[in-house]
Amino acid sequence: MQIDLPTDLFERLRERVQGNPELSEADVVRHALDTLDWLDDECTTPEQLADTLRDLDQSIAEIESGATLDLQTAKAQVQSSLGLSPEK
């Protein structure tokens, strides 16, 4: 399947890939969709969603600053901070 992305989304995708050469475009989209799936499953209130998004933003900033924190570790930290059980 081929998807035509609007310019703004393509730029955001390109920036993510350039910011982390270990990621491909597919990896970025996969992580984004995984995050949305997780948010759908775990966040039940607007307040909880806002807290989760703040935690995710912080984890992303740590990753982008060169911290050696992979996405699974970041996800586990967010889950822990919210008192959520890890994925089974």
Protein backbone atom coordinates (compact mmCIF):
# COMPACT_ATOMS: atom_id res chain seq x y z
CA MET A 1 0.00 0.00 0.00
CA GLN A 2 1.27 3.45 -0.82
CA ILE A 3 0.11 6.46 1.16
CA ASP A 4 0.36 10.04 -0.03
CA LEU A 5 1.14 12.19 2.99
CA PRO A 6 0.40 15.89 3.20
CA THR A 7 3.55 18.02 3.21
CA ASP A 8 3.36 18.81 6.94
CA LEU A 9 3.19 15.13 7.90
CA PHE A 10 5.94 14.21 5.48
CA GLU A 11 8.17 16.90 7.04
CA ARG A 12 7.48 15.63 10.55
CA LEU A 13 8.28 12.07 9.47
CA ARG A 14 11.48 13.21 7.74
CA GLU A 15 12.57 15.15 10.85
CA ARG A 16 12.06 12.08 13.04
CA VAL A 17 14.13 9.88 10.74
CA GLN A 18 16.89 12.47 10.44
CA GLY A 19 16.89 12.91 14.22
CA ASN A 20 17.50 9.20 14.75
CA PRO A 21 19.31 7.49 11.87
CA GLU A 22 18.59 4.07 13.38
CA LEU A 23 14.90 4.51 12.55
CA SER A 24 13.30 4.07 9.16
CA GLU A 25 10.13 5.82 8.05
CA ALA A 26 8.25 2.58 8.70
CA ASP A 27 9.69 2.40 12.24
CA VAL A 28 8.46 5.92 13.01
CA VAL A 29 4.96 5.15 11.74
CA ARG A 30 4.94 1.80 13.55
CA HIS A 31 5.94 3.45 16.86
CA ALA A 32 3.32 6.15 16.40
CA LEU A 33 0.58 3.59 15.75
CA ASP A 34 1.76 1.44 18.67
CA THR A 35 1.58 4.49 20.90
CA LEU A 36 -1.93 5.31 19.72
CA ASP A 37 -3.01 1.70 20.30
CA TRP A 38 -1.54 1.80 23.79
CA LEU A 39 -3.21 5.12 24.56
CA ASP A 40 -6.55 3.73 23.38
CA ASP A 41 -6.13 0.71 25.65
CA GLU A 42 -4.76 2.42 28.75
CA CYS A 43 -6.09 5.98 28.96
CA THR A 44 -9.63 6.28 30.12
CA THR A 45 -9.94 9.91 31.19
CA PRO A 46 -8.85 13.19 29.58
CA GLU A 47 -6.69 13.94 32.62
CA GLN A 48 -4.95 10.58 32.39
CA LEU A 49 -4.38 11.11 28.68
CA ALA A 50 -2.89 14.57 29.32
CA ASP A 51 -0.56 13.14 31.98
CA THR A 52 0.46 10.32 29.68
CA LEU A 53 1.18 12.67 26.80
CA ARG A 54 3.34 14.84 29.08
CA ASP A 55 5.28 11.74 30.15
CA LEU A 56 5.68 10.63 26.55
CA ASP A 57 6.90 14.09 25.54
CA GLN A 58 9.47 13.94 28.33
CA SER A 59 10.63 10.48 27.24
CA ILE A 60 10.89 11.60 23.62
CA ALA A 61 12.93 14.64 24.66
CA GLU A 62 15.28 12.38 26.61
CA ILE A 63 15.72 10.10 23.61
CA GLU A 64 16.30 13.00 21.23
CA SER A 65 18.88 14.53 23.59
CA GLY A 66 20.99 11.40 23.23
CA ALA A 67 19.91 9.56 26.33
CA THR A 68 20.21 5.82 25.90
CA LEU A 69 16.55 5.18 26.51
CA ASP A 70 14.80 2.97 23.98
CA LEU A 71 11.09 3.29 23.26
CA GLN A 72 10.17 0.15 25.20
CA THR A 73 11.94 1.48 28.30
CA ALA A 74 10.23 4.85 27.89
CA LYS A 75 6.88 3.13 27.55
CA ALA A 76 7.54 1.06 30.68
CA GLN A 77 8.44 4.20 32.62
CA VAL A 78 5.22 5.92 31.55
CA GLN A 79 3.18 2.85 32.46
CA SER A 80 4.89 2.67 35.84
CA SER A 81 4.32 6.36 36.56
CA LEU A 82 0.61 5.88 35.86
CA GLY A 83 0.37 2.71 37.91
CA LEU A 84 -0.51 0.67 34.86
CA SER A 85 0.46 -2.94 34.39
CA PRO A 86 2.94 -3.73 31.61
CA GLU A 87 1.69 -5.32 28.42
CA LYS A 88 1.17 -9.02 28.58
